[in-house]
PDB file of N, CA and C in Angstrom:
ATOM      1  N   MET A   1     135.374 126.985  54.911  1.00  0.00           N
ATOM      2  CA  MET A   1     134.514 126.069  55.631  1.00  0.00           C
ATOM      3  C   MET A   1     134.107 124.894  54.739  1.00  0.00           C
ATOM      4  N   CYS A   2     133.855 125.168  53.503  1.00  0.00           N
ATOM      5  CA  CYS A   2     133.435 124.131  52.561  1.00  0.00           C
ATOM      6  C   CYS A   2     134.556 123.121  52.333  1.00  0.00           C
ATOM      7  N   LEU A   3     135.794 123.599  52.356  1.00  0.00           N
ATOM      8  CA  LEU A   3     136.943 122.731  52.168  1.00  0.00           C
ATOM      9  C   LEU A   3     137.063 121.730  53.319  1.00  0.00           C
ATOM     10  N   VAL A   4     136.810 122.183  54.543  1.00  0.00           N
ATOM     11  CA  VAL A   4     136.867 121.305  55.714  1.00  0.00           C
ATOM     12  C   VAL A   4     135.775 120.246  55.626  1.00  0.00           C
ATOM     13  N   GLY A   5     134.574 120.644  55.258  1.00  0.00           N
ATOM     14  CA  GLY A   5     133.464 119.694  55.121  1.00  0.00           C
ATOM     15  C   GLY A   5     133.741 118.661  54.048  1.00  0.00           C
ATOM     16  N   SER A   6     134.341 119.094  52.947  1.00  0.00           N
ATOM     17  CA  SER A   6     134.674 118.168  51.866  1.00  0.00           C
ATOM     18  C   SER A   6     135.735 117.168  52.315  1.00  0.00           C
ATOM     19  N   ALA A   7     136.713 117.644  53.074  1.00  0.00           N
ATOM     20  CA  ALA A   7     137.762 116.749  53.563  1.00  0.00           C
ATOM     21  C   ALA A   7     137.187 115.712  54.526  1.00  0.00           C
ATOM     22  N   MET A   8     136.254 116.128  55.383  1.00  0.00           N
ATOM     23  CA  MET A   8     135.634 115.187  56.323  1.00  0.00           C
ATOM     24  C   MET A   8     134.815 114.143  55.576  1.00  0.00           C
ATOM     25  N   LEU A   9     134.063 114.571  54.569  1.00  0.00           N
ATOM     26  CA  LEU A   9     133.255 113.641  53.786  1.00  0.00           C
ATOM     27  C   LEU A   9     134.147 112.662  53.039  1.00  0.00           C
ATOM     28  N   MET A  10     135.248 113.151  52.492  1.00  0.00           N
ATOM     29  CA  MET A  10     136.168 112.286  51.750  1.00  0.00           C
ATOM     30  C   MET A  10     136.800 111.249  52.672  1.00  0.00           C
ATOM     31  N   SER A  11     137.164 111.646  53.904  1.00  0.00           N
ATOM     32  CA  SER A  11     137.759 110.679  54.832  1.00  0.00           C
ATOM     33  C   SER A  11     136.742 109.619  55.251  1.00  0.00           C
ATOM     34  N   LEU A  12     135.467 109.994  55.371  1.00  0.00           N
ATOM     35  CA  LEU A  12     134.429 109.004  55.666  1.00  0.00           C
ATOM     36  C   LEU A  12     134.303 107.989  54.547  1.00  0.00           C
ATOM     37  N   VAL A  13     134.334 108.456  53.312  1.00  0.00           N
ATOM     38  CA  VAL A  13     134.198 107.563  52.155  1.00  0.00           C
ATOM     39  C   VAL A  13     135.393 106.624  52.070  1.00  0.00           C
ATOM     40  N   VAL A  14     136.584 107.134  52.373  1.00  0.00           N
ATOM     41  CA  VAL A  14     137.801 106.327  52.256  1.00  0.00           C
ATOM     42  C   VAL A  14     137.924 105.318  53.396  1.00  0.00           C
ATOM     43  N   TYR A  15     137.660 105.742  54.649  1.00  0.00           N
ATOM     44  CA  TYR A  15     137.933 104.885  55.807  1.00  0.00           C
ATOM     45  C   TYR A  15     136.748 104.059  56.293  1.00  0.00           C
ATOM     46  N   ALA A  16     135.545 104.335  55.865  1.00  0.00           N
ATOM     47  CA  ALA A  16     134.376 103.577  56.326  1.00  0.00           C
ATOM     48  C   ALA A  16     134.462 102.092  55.986  1.00  0.00           C
ATOM     49  N   PRO A  17     134.839 101.705  54.741  1.00  0.00           N
ATOM     50  CA  PRO A  17     134.925 100.258  54.459  1.00  0.00           C
ATOM     51  C   PRO A  17     135.942  99.538  55.336  1.00  0.00           C
ATOM     52  N   VAL A  18     137.051 100.203  55.662  1.00  0.00           N
ATOM     53  CA  VAL A  18     138.073  99.584  56.512  1.00  0.00           C
ATOM     54  C   VAL A  18     137.520  99.363  57.919  1.00  0.00           C
ATOM     55  N   ALA A  19     136.822 100.355  58.451  1.00  0.00           N
ATOM     56  CA  ALA A  19     136.256 100.237  59.790  1.00  0.00           C
ATOM     57  C   ALA A  19     135.177  99.163  59.838  1.00  0.00           C
ATOM     58  N   LEU A  20     134.364  99.065  58.808  1.00  0.00           N
ATOM     59  CA  LEU A  20     133.298  98.068  58.789  1.00  0.00           C
ATOM     60  C   LEU A  20     133.834  96.659  58.596  1.00  0.00           C
ATOM     61  N   ALA A  21     134.999  96.523  57.973  1.00  0.00           N
ATOM     62  CA  ALA A  21     135.571  95.202  57.706  1.00  0.00           C
ATOM     63  C   ALA A  21     136.135  94.555  58.965  1.00  0.00           C
ATOM     64  N   GLN A  22     136.393  95.316  60.011  1.00  0.00           N
ATOM     65  CA  GLN A  22     136.988  94.775  61.221  1.00  0.00           C
ATOM     66  C   GLN A  22     135.898  94.297  62.181  1.00  0.00           C
ATOM     67  N   ALA A  23     135.198  93.248  61.795  1.00  0.00           N
ATOM     68  CA  ALA A  23     134.113  92.710  62.612  1.00  0.00           C
ATOM     69  C   ALA A  23     134.664  91.817  63.717  1.00  0.00           C
ATOM     70  N   ASP A  24     133.893  91.649  64.786  1.00  0.00           N
ATOM     71  CA  ASP A  24     134.261  90.768  65.874  1.00  0.00           C
ATOM     72  C   ASP A  24     134.140  89.323  65.386  1.00  0.00           C
ATOM     73  N   LEU A  25     135.181  88.547  65.573  1.00  0.00           N
ATOM     74  CA  LEU A  25     135.189  87.155  65.134  1.00  0.00           C
ATOM     75  C   LEU A  25     134.894  86.256  66.318  1.00  0.00           C
ATOM     76  N   ASP A  26     133.650  85.824  66.466  1.00  0.00           N
ATOM     77  CA  ASP A  26     133.355  84.888  67.547  1.00  0.00           C
ATOM     78  C   ASP A  26     133.407  83.467  66.989  1.00  0.00           C
ATOM     79  N   CYS A  27     133.185  82.477  67.834  1.00  0.00           N
ATOM     80  CA  CYS A  27     133.325  81.079  67.428  1.00  0.00           C
ATOM     81  C   CYS A  27     132.384  80.697  66.284  1.00  0.00           C
ATOM     82  N   SER A  28     131.217  81.323  66.215  1.00  0.00           N
ATOM     83  CA  SER A  28     130.267  80.975  65.149  1.00  0.00           C
ATOM     84  C   SER A  28     130.755  81.422  63.770  1.00  0.00           C
ATOM     85  N   TYR A  29     131.726  82.312  63.714  1.00  0.00           N
ATOM     86  CA  TYR A  29     132.289  82.785  62.449  1.00  0.00           C
ATOM     87  C   TYR A  29     133.120  81.694  61.772  1.00  0.00           C
ATOM     88  N   PHE A  30     133.731  80.810  62.565  1.00  0.00           N
ATOM     89  CA  PHE A  30     134.656  79.815  62.036  1.00  0.00           C
ATOM     90  C   PHE A  30     133.943  78.502  61.733  1.00  0.00           C
ATOM     91  N   PRO A  31     134.247  77.899  60.567  1.00  0.00           N
ATOM     92  CA  PRO A  31     133.569  76.657  60.187  1.00  0.00           C
ATOM     93  C   PRO A  31     134.019  75.440  60.992  1.00  0.00           C
ATOM     94  N   SER A  32     135.182  75.535  61.646  1.00  0.00           N
ATOM     95  CA  SER A  32     135.695  74.402  62.416  1.00  0.00           C
ATOM     96  C   SER A  32     136.529  74.899  63.589  1.00  0.00           C
ATOM     97  N   GLN A  33     136.804  73.985  64.491  1.00  0.00           N
ATOM     98  CA  GLN A  33     137.662  74.315  65.625  1.00  0.00           C
ATOM     99  C   GLN A  33     139.072  74.616  65.127  1.00  0.00           C
ATOM    100  N   LYS A  34     139.519  73.889  64.124  1.00  0.00           N
ATOM    101  CA  LYS A  34     140.858  74.085  63.585  1.00  0.00           C
ATOM    102  C   LYS A  34     141.025  75.493  63.001  1.00  0.00           C
ATOM    103  N   ALA A  35     140.010  76.001  62.311  1.00  0.00           N
ATOM    104  CA  ALA A  35     140.079  77.349  61.739  1.00  0.00           C
ATOM    105  C   ALA A  35     140.170  78.394  62.849  1.00  0.00           C
ATOM    106  N   ALA A  36     139.412  78.193  63.916  1.00  0.00           N
ATOM    107  CA  ALA A  36     139.474  79.120  65.051  1.00  0.00           C
ATOM    108  C   ALA A  36     140.836  79.048  65.731  1.00  0.00           C
ATOM    109  N   GLN A  37     141.400  77.835  65.820  1.00  0.00           N
ATOM    110  CA  GLN A  37     142.712  77.657  66.447  1.00  0.00           C
ATOM    111  C   GLN A  37     143.790  78.374  65.631  1.00  0.00           C
ATOM    112  N   GLN A  38     143.654  78.345  64.309  1.00  0.00           N
ATOM    113  CA  GLN A  38     144.618  79.054  63.457  1.00  0.00           C
ATOM    114  C   GLN A  38     144.553  80.559  63.717  1.00  0.00           C
ATOM    115  N   GLU A  39     143.353  81.093  63.909  1.00  0.00           N
ATOM    116  CA  GLU A  39     143.207  82.519  64.218  1.00  0.00           C
ATOM    117  C   GLU A  39     143.819  82.835  65.591  1.00  0.00           C
ATOM    118  N   LEU A  40     143.627  81.953  66.557  1.00  0.00           N
ATOM    119  CA  LEU A  40     144.217  82.158  67.887  1.00  0.00           C
ATOM    120  C   LEU A  40     145.738  82.108  67.803  1.00  0.00           C
ATOM    121  N   ARG A  41     146.285  81.235  66.960  1.00  0.00           N
ATOM    122  CA  ARG A  41     147.737  81.186  66.773  1.00  0.00           C
ATOM    123  C   ARG A  41     148.234  82.460  66.089  1.00  0.00           C
ATOM    124  N   ARG A  42     147.441  83.001  65.178  1.00  0.00           N
ATOM    125  CA  ARG A  42     147.819  84.227  64.475  1.00  0.00           C
ATOM    126  C   ARG A  42     147.906  85.396  65.453  1.00  0.00           C
ATOM    127  N   ASP A  43     146.957  85.453  66.407  1.00  0.00           N
ATOM    128  CA  ASP A  43     146.956  86.534  67.393  1.00  0.00           C
ATOM    129  C   ASP A  43     146.668  85.941  68.776  1.00  0.00           C
ATOM    130  N   PRO A  44     147.723  85.486  69.491  1.00  0.00           N
ATOM    131  CA  PRO A  44     147.546  84.838  70.794  1.00  0.00           C
ATOM    132  C   PRO A  44     146.989  85.749  71.885  1.00  0.00           C
ATOM    133  N   SER A  45     146.933  87.069  71.642  1.00  0.00           N
ATOM    134  CA  SER A  45     146.342  87.953  72.653  1.00  0.00           C
ATOM    135  C   SER A  45     144.828  87.741  72.733  1.00  0.00           C
ATOM    136  N   ASP A  46     144.255  87.045  71.763  1.00  0.00           N
ATOM    137  CA  ASP A  46     142.840  86.640  71.746  1.00  0.00           C
ATOM    138  C   ASP A  46     141.870  87.811  71.943  1.00  0.00           C
ATOM    139  N   PRO A  47     141.927  88.825  71.050  1.00  0.00           N
ATOM    140  CA  PRO A  47     141.029  89.972  71.200  1.00  0.00           C
ATOM    141  C   PRO A  47     139.565  89.622  70.972  1.00  0.00           C
ATOM    142  N   ASN A  48     139.306  88.479  70.326  1.00  0.00           N
ATOM    143  CA  ASN A  48     137.927  88.080  70.022  1.00  0.00           C
ATOM    144  C   ASN A  48     137.344  87.114  71.045  1.00  0.00           C
ATOM    145  N   GLY A  49     138.124  86.717  72.026  1.00  0.00           N
ATOM    146  CA  GLY A  49     137.612  85.822  73.062  1.00  0.00           C
ATOM    147  C   GLY A  49     137.321  84.415  72.564  1.00  0.00           C
ATOM    148  N   LEU A  50     138.185  83.898  71.691  1.00  0.00           N
ATOM    149  CA  LEU A  50     137.983  82.549  71.154  1.00  0.00           C
ATOM    150  C   LEU A  50     138.349  81.469  72.164  1.00  0.00           C
ATOM    151  N   ASP A  51     139.198  81.811  73.133  1.00  0.00           N
ATOM    152  CA  ASP A  51     139.645  80.860  74.155  1.00  0.00           C
ATOM    153  C   ASP A  51     139.018  81.250  75.489  1.00  0.00           C
ATOM    154  N   ALA A  52     137.774  80.867  75.684  1.00  0.00           N
ATOM    155  CA  ALA A  52     136.988  81.312  76.848  1.00  0.00           C
ATOM    156  C   ALA A  52     137.584  80.873  78.181  1.00  0.00           C
ATOM    157  N   ASP A  53     138.187  79.691  78.240  1.00  0.00           N
ATOM    158  CA  ASP A  53     138.711  79.192  79.516  1.00  0.00           C
ATOM    159  C   ASP A  53     140.227  79.336  79.651  1.00  0.00           C
ATOM    160  N   SER A  54     140.844  80.074  78.749  1.00  0.00           N
ATOM    161  CA  SER A  54     142.289  80.384  78.790  1.00  0.00           C
ATOM    162  C   SER A  54     143.178  79.151  78.864  1.00  0.00           C
ATOM    163  N   ASP A  55     142.770  78.078  78.174  1.00  0.00           N
ATOM    164  CA  ASP A  55     143.604  76.881  78.170  1.00  0.00           C
ATOM    165  C   ASP A  55     144.430  76.761  76.895  1.00  0.00           C
ATOM    166  N   GLY A  56     144.379  77.786  76.022  1.00  0.00           N
ATOM    167  CA  GLY A  56     145.150  77.780  74.787  1.00  0.00           C
ATOM    168  C   GLY A  56     144.463  77.093  73.630  1.00  0.00           C
ATOM    169  N   ILE A  57     143.232  76.655  73.830  1.00  0.00           N
ATOM    170  CA  ILE A  57     142.479  75.965  72.771  1.00  0.00           C
ATOM    171  C   ILE A  57     141.239  76.799  72.444  1.00  0.00           C
ATOM    172  N   ALA A  58     141.113  77.161  71.164  1.00  0.00           N
ATOM    173  CA  ALA A  58     140.027  78.031  70.719  1.00  0.00           C
ATOM    174  C   ALA A  58     138.771  77.234  70.391  1.00  0.00           C
ATOM    175  N   CYS A  59     137.631  77.804  70.689  1.00  0.00           N
ATOM    176  CA  CYS A  59     136.310  77.308  70.248  1.00  0.00           C
ATOM    177  C   CYS A  59     136.185  75.788  70.353  1.00  0.00           C
ATOM    178  N   GLU A  60     136.311  75.283  71.547  1.00  0.00           N
ATOM    179  CA  GLU A  60     136.351  73.832  71.766  1.00  0.00           C
ATOM    180  C   GLU A  60     135.077  73.107  71.342  1.00  0.00           C
ATOM    181  N   ASN A  61     133.956  73.809  71.226  1.00  0.00           N
ATOM    182  CA  ASN A  61     132.699  73.171  70.828  1.00  0.00           C
ATOM    183  C   ASN A  61     132.429  73.245  69.335  1.00  0.00           C
ATOM    184  N   ASN A  62     133.334  73.877  68.565  1.00  0.00           N
ATOM    185  CA  ASN A  62     133.151  73.930  67.112  1.00  0.00           C
ATOM    186  C   ASN A  62     133.363  72.544  66.514  1.00  0.00           C
ATOM    187  N   PRO A  63     132.793  72.295  65.310  1.00  0.00           N
ATOM    188  CA  PRO A  63     132.920  70.971  64.690  1.00  0.00           C
ATOM    189  C   PRO A  63     134.330  70.697  64.159  1.00  0.00           C
ATOM    190  N   ALA A  64     134.562  69.430  63.750  1.00  0.00           N
ATOM    191  CA  ALA A  64     135.836  68.989  63.167  1.00  0.00           C
ATOM    192  C   ALA A  64     136.039  69.700  61.831  1.00  0.00           C
ATOM    193  N   PRO A  65     137.278  69.740  61.370  1.00  0.00           N
ATOM    194  CA  PRO A  65     138.495  69.161  61.918  1.00  0.00           C
ATOM    195  C   PRO A  65     138.984  69.933  63.143  1.00  0.00           C
ATOM    196  N   PHE A  66     139.777  69.214  63.958  1.00  0.00           N
ATOM    197  CA  PHE A  66     140.244  69.759  65.216  1.00  0.00           C
ATOM    198  C   PHE A  66     141.752  69.994  65.189  1.00  0.00           C
ATOM    199  N   ASP A  67     142.188  70.953  65.972  1.00  0.00           N
ATOM    200  CA  ASP A  67     143.605  71.213  66.251  1.00  0.00           C
ATOM    201  C   ASP A  67     143.640  71.646  67.704  1.00  0.00           C
ATOM    202  N   ARG A  68     143.849  70.715  68.582  1.00  0.00           N
ATOM    203  CA  ARG A  68     143.754  71.014  70.016  1.00  0.00           C
ATOM    204  C   ARG A  68     145.111  71.090  70.692  1.00  0.00           C
ATOM    205  N   ARG A  69     146.117  71.509  69.918  1.00  0.00           N
ATOM    206  CA  ARG A  69     147.421  71.783  70.525  1.00  0.00           C
ATOM    207  C   ARG A  69     147.349  73.182  71.110  1.00  0.00           C
ATOM    208  N   PRO A  70     147.541  73.352  72.417  1.00  0.00           N
ATOM    209  CA  PRO A  70     147.382  74.655  73.061  1.00  0.00           C
ATOM    210  C   PRO A  70     148.353  75.702  72.528  1.00  0.00           C
ATOM    211  N   VAL A  71     147.871  76.913  72.446  1.00  0.00           N
ATOM    212  CA  VAL A  71     148.697  78.058  72.055  1.00  0.00           C
ATOM    213  C   VAL A  71     149.348  78.621  73.304  1.00  0.00           C
ATOM    214  N   GLY A  72     150.636  78.873  73.260  1.00  0.00           N
ATOM    215  CA  GLY A  72     151.330  79.528  74.366  1.00  0.00           C
ATOM    216  C   GLY A  72     151.365  78.732  75.650  1.00  0.00           C
ATOM    217  N   GLY A  73     151.237  77.440  75.579  1.00  0.00           N
ATOM    218  CA  GLY A  73     151.322  76.621  76.776  1.00  0.00           C
ATOM    219  C   GLY A  73     150.044  76.575  77.597  1.00  0.00           C
ATOM    220  N   GLY A  74     148.999  77.283  77.153  1.00  0.00           N
ATOM    221  CA  GLY A  74     147.727  77.226  77.859  1.00  0.00           C
ATOM    222  C   GLY A  74     147.736  77.997  79.164  1.00  0.00           C
ATOM    223  N   LYS A  75     146.899  77.573  80.068  1.00  0.00           N
ATOM    224  CA  LYS A  75     146.693  78.222  81.359  1.00  0.00           C
ATOM    225  C   LYS A  75     147.942  78.105  82.232  1.00  0.00           C
ATOM    226  N   PRO A  76     148.337  79.179  82.946  1.00  0.00           N
ATOM    227  CA  PRO A  76     149.486  79.047  83.839  1.00  0.00           C
ATOM    228  C   PRO A  76     149.162  78.084  84.976  1.00  0.00           C
ATOM    229  N   PRO A  77     150.173  77.384  85.500  1.00  0.00           N
ATOM    230  CA  PRO A  77     149.892  76.436  86.580  1.00  0.00           C
ATOM    231  C   PRO A  77     149.363  77.162  87.808  1.00  0.00           C
ATOM    232  N   GLU A  78     148.460  76.495  88.489  1.00  0.00           N
ATOM    233  CA  GLU A  78     147.851  77.080  89.689  1.00  0.00           C
ATOM    234  C   GLU A  78     148.807  76.968  90.866  1.00  0.00           C
ATOM    235  N   ARG A  79     148.914  78.030  91.661  1.00  0.00           N
ATOM    236  CA  ARG A  79     149.765  77.997  92.852  1.00  0.00           C
ATOM    237  C   ARG A  79     149.078  77.153  93.920  1.00  0.00           C
ATOM    238  N   THR A  80     149.864  76.371  94.636  1.00  0.00           N
ATOM    239  CA  THR A  80     149.283  75.517  95.665  1.00  0.00           C
ATOM    240  C   THR A  80     150.029  75.689  96.984  1.00  0.00           C
ATOM    241  N   MET A  81     149.365  75.294  98.063  1.00  0.00           N
ATOM    242  CA  MET A  81     149.973  75.383  99.392  1.00  0.00           C
ATOM    243  C   MET A  81     151.006  74.283  99.581  1.00  0.00           C
ATOM    244  N   LEU A  82     152.090  74.609 100.297  1.00  0.00           N
ATOM    245  CA  LEU A  82     153.110  73.607 100.594  1.00  0.00           C
ATOM    246  C   LEU A  82     152.526  72.488 101.445  1.00  0.00           C
ATOM    247  N   GLY A  83     152.913  71.274 101.133  1.00  0.00           N
ATOM    248  CA  GLY A  83     152.470  70.133 101.920  1.00  0.00           C
ATOM    249  C   GLY A  83     151.056  69.678 101.596  1.00  0.00           C
ATOM    250  N   SER A  84     150.421  70.312 100.616  1.00  0.00           N
ATOM    251  CA  SER A  84     149.049  69.916 100.300  1.00  0.00           C
ATOM    252  C   SER A  84     149.007  68.852  99.216  1.00  0.00           C
ATOM    253  N   GLY A  85     150.176  68.462  98.710  1.00  0.00           N
ATOM    254  CA  GLY A  85     150.198  67.491  97.631  1.00  0.00           C
ATOM    255  C   GLY A  85     149.772  68.121  96.307  1.00  0.00           C
ATOM    256  N   GLY A  86     149.730  69.439  96.259  1.00  0.00           N
ATOM    257  CA  GLY A  86     149.355  70.125  95.026  1.00  0.00           C
ATOM    258  C   GLY A  86     147.866  70.167  94.776  1.00  0.00           C
ATOM    259  N   ASN A  87     147.060  69.819  95.775  1.00  0.00           N
ATOM    260  CA  ASN A  87     145.622  69.750  95.559  1.00  0.00           C
ATOM    261  C   ASN A  87     144.861  70.993  96.000  1.00  0.00           C
ATOM    262  N   LEU A  88     145.381  71.725  96.958  1.00  0.00           N
ATOM    263  CA  LEU A  88     144.643  72.858  97.500  1.00  0.00           C
ATOM    264  C   LEU A  88     145.192  74.165  96.958  1.00  0.00           C
ATOM    265  N   PRO A  89     144.368  74.960  96.277  1.00  0.00           N
ATOM    266  CA  PRO A  89     144.869  76.247  95.795  1.00  0.00           C
ATOM    267  C   PRO A  89     145.078  77.215  96.950  1.00  0.00           C
ATOM    268  N   LEU A  90     146.003  78.148  96.750  1.00  0.00           N
ATOM    269  CA  LEU A  90     146.250  79.168  97.767  1.00  0.00           C
ATOM    270  C   LEU A  90     145.035  80.082  97.892  1.00  0.00           C
ATOM    271  N   PRO A  91     144.666  80.448  99.094  1.00  0.00           N
ATOM    272  CA  PRO A  91     143.545  81.379  99.253  1.00  0.00           C
ATOM    273  C   PRO A  91     143.965  82.777  98.815  1.00  0.00           C
ATOM    274  N   ASP A  92     143.042  83.520  98.244  1.00  0.00           N
ATOM    275  CA  ASP A  92     143.311  84.892  97.842  1.00  0.00           C
ATOM    276  C   ASP A  92     143.075  85.790  99.044  1.00  0.00           C
ATOM    277  N   THR A  93     144.158  86.234  99.673  1.00  0.00           N
ATOM    278  CA  THR A  93     144.032  87.047 100.881  1.00  0.00           C
ATOM    279  C   THR A  93     144.029  88.531 100.583  1.00  0.00           C
ATOM    280  N   GLY A  94     144.274  88.900  99.334  1.00  0.00           N
ATOM    281  CA  GLY A  94     144.263  90.309  98.966  1.00  0.00           C
ATOM    282  C   GLY A  94     145.570  91.022  99.236  1.00  0.00           C
ATOM    283  N   GLY A  95     146.544  90.355  99.802  1.00  0.00           N
ATOM    284  CA  GLY A  95     147.838  90.973 100.044  1.00  0.00           C
ATOM    285  C   GLY A  95     147.838  91.834 101.296  1.00  0.00           C
ATOM    286  N   PRO A  96     148.986  92.434 101.595  1.00  0.00           N
ATOM    287  CA  PRO A  96     149.089  93.244 102.811  1.00  0.00           C
ATOM    288  C   PRO A  96     148.313  94.550 102.681  1.00  0.00           C
ATOM    289  N   ALA A  97     147.823  95.040 103.802  1.00  0.00           N
ATOM    290  CA  ALA A  97     147.124  96.327 103.822  1.00  0.00           C
ATOM    291  C   ALA A  97     148.177  97.418 103.916  1.00  0.00           C
ATOM    292  N   LEU A  98     148.461  98.068 102.807  1.00  0.00           N
ATOM    293  CA  LEU A  98     149.539  99.051 102.773  1.00  0.00           C
ATOM    294  C   LEU A  98     149.111 100.435 103.242  1.00  0.00           C
ATOM    295  N   ILE A  99     147.848 100.770 103.146  1.00  0.00           N
ATOM    296  CA  ILE A  99     147.405 102.111 103.529  1.00  0.00           C
ATOM    297  C   ILE A  99     147.591 102.356 105.028  1.00  0.00           C
ATOM    298  N   PRO A 100     147.162 101.434 105.908  1.00  0.00           N
ATOM    299  CA  PRO A 100     147.419 101.686 107.336  1.00  0.00           C
ATOM    300  C   PRO A 100     148.911 101.765 107.654  1.00  0.00           C
ATOM    301  N   LEU A 101     149.727 100.956 106.987  1.00  0.00           N
ATOM    302  CA  LEU A 101     151.163 100.989 107.202  1.00  0.00           C
ATOM    303  C   LEU A 101     151.734 102.335 106.756  1.00  0.00           C
ATOM    304  N   ALA A 102     151.310 102.822 105.597  1.00  0.00           N
ATOM    305  CA  ALA A 102     151.780 104.115 105.096  1.00  0.00           C
ATOM    306  C   ALA A 102     151.329 105.235 106.025  1.00  0.00           C
ATOM    307  N   ALA A 103     150.101 105.155 106.539  1.00  0.00           N
ATOM    308  CA  ALA A 103     149.599 106.183 107.456  1.00  0.00           C
ATOM    309  C   ALA A 103     150.414 106.182 108.750  1.00  0.00           C
ATOM    310  N   ALA A 104     150.784 105.007 109.254  1.00  0.00           N
ATOM    311  CA  ALA A 104     151.574 104.924 110.482  1.00  0.00           C
ATOM    312  C   ALA A 104     152.962 105.506 110.267  1.00  0.00           C
ATOM    313  N   VAL A 105     153.585 105.205 109.130  1.00  0.00           N
ATOM    314  CA  VAL A 105     154.917 105.731 108.835  1.00  0.00           C
ATOM    315  C   VAL A 105     154.862 107.244 108.695  1.00  0.00           C
ATOM    316  N   LEU A 106     153.846 107.736 107.978  1.00  0.00           N
ATOM    317  CA  LEU A 106     153.698 109.182 107.801  1.00  0.00           C
ATOM    318  C   LEU A 106     153.455 109.864 109.145  1.00  0.00           C
ATOM    319  N   GLY A 107     152.606 109.270 109.973  1.00  0.00           N
ATOM    320  CA  GLY A 107     152.333 109.833 111.295  1.00  0.00           C
ATOM    321  C   GLY A 107     153.580 109.891 112.154  1.00  0.00           C
ATOM    322  N   ALA A 108     154.374 108.824 112.121  1.00  0.00           N
ATOM    323  CA  ALA A 108     155.613 108.795 112.901  1.00  0.00           C
ATOM    324  C   ALA A 108     156.592 109.852 112.397  1.00  0.00           C
ATOM    325  N   ALA A 109     156.655 110.024 111.092  1.00  0.00           N
ATOM    326  CA  ALA A 109     157.557 111.042 110.524  1.00  0.00           C
ATOM    327  C   ALA A 109     157.122 112.441 110.931  1.00  0.00           C
ATOM    328  N   LEU A 110     155.817 112.703 110.882  1.00  0.00           N
ATOM    329  CA  LEU A 110     155.327 114.015 111.277  1.00  0.00           C
ATOM    330  C   LEU A 110     155.542 114.260 112.773  1.00  0.00           C
ATOM    331  N   LEU A 111     155.355 113.232 113.593  1.00  0.00           N
ATOM    332  CA  LEU A 111     155.602 113.352 115.027  1.00  0.00           C
ATOM    333  C   LEU A 111     157.071 113.646 115.278  1.00  0.00           C
ATOM    334  N   GLY A 112     157.933 112.964 114.581  1.00  0.00           N
ATOM    335  CA  GLY A 112     159.376 113.185 114.720  1.00  0.00           C
ATOM    336  C   GLY A 112     159.747 114.596 114.315  1.00  0.00           C
ATOM    337  N   LEU A 113     159.175 115.097 113.235  1.00  0.00           N
ATOM    338  CA  LEU A 113     159.452 116.469 112.804  1.00  0.00           C
ATOM    339  C   LEU A 113     158.946 117.464 113.845  1.00  0.00           C
ATOM    340  N   GLY A 114     157.789 117.187 114.425  1.00  0.00           N
ATOM    341  CA  GLY A 114     157.237 118.069 115.447  1.00  0.00           C
ATOM    342  C   GLY A 114     158.111 118.114 116.678  1.00  0.00           C
ATOM    343  N   LEU A 115     158.675 116.978 117.078  1.00  0.00           N
ATOM    344  CA  LEU A 115     159.553 116.934 118.252  1.00  0.00           C
ATOM    345  C   LEU A 115     160.867 117.653 117.982  1.00  0.00           C
ATOM    346  N   LEU A 116     161.351 117.597 116.749  1.00  0.00           N
ATOM    347  CA  LEU A 116     162.616 118.266 116.405  1.00  0.00           C
ATOM    348  C   LEU A 116     162.471 119.772 116.399  1.00  0.00           C
ATOM    349  N   ARG A 117     161.304 120.276 116.096  1.00  0.00           N
ATOM    350  CA  ARG A 117     161.092 121.718 116.016  1.00  0.00           C
ATOM    351  C   ARG A 117     161.035 122.352 117.400  1.00  0.00           C
ATOM    352  N   ARG A 118     160.831 121.601 118.451  1.00  0.00           N
ATOM    353  CA  ARG A 118     160.719 122.154 119.816  1.00  0.00           C
ATOM    354  C   ARG A 118     162.021 122.542 120.368  1.00  0.00           C
TER     355      ARG A 118
END
């Protein structure tokens, strides 16, 4: 039992500094917008939320120097309705209701099986 406790204590001593070193990097951590942009380029998945509006530019309100070249092309283009001149976004209709359709298909299959058994 003492050996297990010693091993747990040793792993805490070894791994605690590594765990504490991985702090959340928000915009206030970076001295400039350019420094934040370099971090966003290093990890475009943006785990720290440096690109709040998803336009590919990190910490837009941080001071100079600036690097405002978007990472990864920025925000994907918005879908628009045909004939709208590209001005009206498509409404979010939620897609087709698949549950009632699946229930109808299942019901028809069960009815068909019931008729075949007669």
